[in-house]
Amino acid sequence: VAPLDSLELGERVRKVGRTTGLTVGVVSAVGATVRANYQSLGFGNTPTLFVNQILAEISCGYGDSGSLLVDSENRAAGLLFGGTRSGKTWFNPFDVVCSALDISLLD
């Protein structure tokens, strides 16, 4: 698992999504704040605030949520939770997800 502070701006990252398949991009922000609005998915018009997130210039589509982001050393770095049509994709840091769920990856 890649700690959030190990990611660098411009670092090459990859993910495999159900909709978009294997995509490659770069980290554009670490520790970012994202205001996501899921109205188009039927969840009302109230934005949700996410803090300390990873942003990457990597394409995503509906159905890619939950895709694993891996860093340049093939370490789990994030889980996809949203993005924009212009290719800005948002990821929850994987170490935070593991901590919240009280799980760990096998070595």
Protein backbone atom coordinates (compact mmCIF):
# COMPACT_ATOMS: atom_id res chain seq x y z
CA VAL A 1 0.00 0.00 0.00
CA ALA A 2 1.36 3.41 -0.98
CA PRO A 3 1.05 5.99 1.81
CA LEU A 4 -0.57 9.22 0.64
CA ASP A 5 2.60 11.22 1.26
CA SER A 6 4.61 8.92 -1.06
CA LEU A 7 2.74 10.04 -4.19
CA GLU A 8 4.37 12.80 -6.21
CA LEU A 9 2.83 15.32 -8.58
CA GLY A 10 3.30 14.11 -12.14
CA GLU A 11 3.87 10.49 -11.05
CA ARG A 12 2.54 7.96 -13.56
CA VAL A 13 -0.40 5.93 -12.24
CA ARG A 14 -2.74 3.28 -13.66
CA LYS A 15 -6.18 1.87 -13.03
CA VAL A 16 -8.45 -0.74 -14.60
CA GLY A 17 -12.12 0.23 -14.78
CA ARG A 18 -15.12 -1.81 -15.81
CA THR A 19 -16.09 0.85 -18.33
CA THR A 20 -12.81 2.33 -19.53
CA GLY A 21 -10.47 -0.64 -19.07
CA LEU A 22 -6.77 -0.03 -18.44
CA THR A 23 -5.92 3.67 -18.38
CA VAL A 24 -2.69 5.46 -17.58
CA GLY A 25 -2.33 9.00 -16.28
CA VAL A 26 -0.50 11.24 -13.85
CA VAL A 27 -1.12 12.49 -10.31
CA SER A 28 -2.26 16.12 -10.43
CA ALA A 29 -2.91 16.71 -6.71
CA VAL A 30 -2.40 14.98 -3.37
CA GLY A 31 -4.33 15.98 -0.23
CA ALA A 32 -6.95 17.77 -2.34
CA THR A 33 -10.45 18.83 -1.35
CA VAL A 34 -13.21 17.78 -3.77
CA ARG A 35 -16.83 18.89 -3.79
CA ALA A 36 -18.77 16.14 -5.59
CA ASN A 37 -22.38 16.46 -6.70
CA TYR A 38 -24.16 13.19 -7.43
CA GLN A 39 -27.46 14.76 -8.58
CA SER A 40 -27.20 13.10 -12.00
CA LEU A 41 -27.24 9.74 -10.21
CA GLY A 42 -30.42 10.60 -8.29
CA PHE A 43 -28.86 11.60 -4.94
CA GLY A 44 -30.21 15.16 -4.70
CA ASN A 45 -28.48 18.46 -5.34
CA THR A 46 -26.37 18.63 -2.17
CA PRO A 47 -22.62 18.51 -2.82
CA THR A 48 -20.53 16.17 -0.69
CA LEU A 49 -17.14 17.35 0.58
CA PHE A 50 -14.16 14.98 0.42
CA VAL A 51 -10.82 16.04 1.94
CA ASN A 52 -7.27 14.68 1.57
CA GLN A 53 -8.02 13.04 -1.76
CA ILE A 54 -5.86 12.06 -4.73
CA LEU A 55 -6.58 13.70 -8.08
CA ALA A 56 -5.27 12.19 -11.29
CA GLU A 57 -5.40 13.11 -14.96
CA ILE A 58 -6.77 9.73 -16.00
CA SER A 59 -10.01 8.89 -17.79
CA CYS A 60 -12.96 7.27 -16.04
CA GLY A 61 -16.60 6.51 -16.80
CA TYR A 62 -19.78 5.42 -15.08
CA GLY A 63 -19.09 1.93 -13.74
CA ASP A 64 -15.42 2.57 -12.91
CA SER A 65 -16.11 3.50 -9.28
CA GLY A 66 -14.13 1.28 -6.93
CA SER A 67 -11.27 0.86 -9.42
CA LEU A 68 -7.88 0.47 -7.78
CA LEU A 69 -5.28 3.15 -8.55
CA VAL A 70 -1.71 1.87 -8.50
CA ASP A 71 1.40 4.02 -8.30
CA SER A 72 4.58 3.76 -10.37
CA GLU A 73 5.82 0.97 -8.04
CA ASN A 74 2.59 -1.08 -8.46
CA ARG A 75 1.43 -0.26 -4.92
CA ALA A 76 -2.26 0.26 -4.16
CA ALA A 77 -2.69 4.04 -3.89
CA GLY A 78 -6.41 4.83 -4.12
CA LEU A 79 -9.98 3.79 -4.88
CA LEU A 80 -11.87 5.70 -7.57
CA PHE A 81 -15.03 7.48 -6.41
CA GLY A 82 -15.72 10.07 -9.09
CA GLY A 83 -14.45 12.37 -11.73
CA THR A 84 -15.22 14.86 -14.44
CA ARG A 85 -15.83 14.55 -18.15
CA SER A 86 -12.59 16.43 -18.76
CA GLY A 87 -10.47 13.60 -17.35
CA LYS A 88 -9.98 14.72 -13.74
CA THR A 89 -10.51 11.61 -11.62
CA TRP A 90 -10.83 11.47 -7.82
CA PHE A 91 -9.52 8.72 -5.55
CA ASN A 92 -9.84 8.00 -1.83
CA PRO A 93 -6.35 7.21 -0.47
CA PHE A 94 -6.11 3.43 -0.19
CA ASP A 95 -4.40 3.45 3.22
CA VAL A 96 -7.31 5.49 4.62
CA VAL A 97 -9.86 3.08 3.12
CA CYS A 98 -8.03 0.11 4.67
CA SER A 99 -7.91 1.83 8.05
CA ALA A 100 -11.61 2.75 7.94
CA LEU A 101 -12.57 -0.83 7.05
CA ASP A 102 -9.99 -2.36 9.41
CA ILE A 103 -8.50 -4.47 6.61
CA SER A 104 -5.04 -4.99 5.15
CA LEU A 105 -3.56 -6.46 1.99
CA LEU A 106 -1.56 -9.66 2.08
CA ASP A 107 2.09 -9.28 1.15
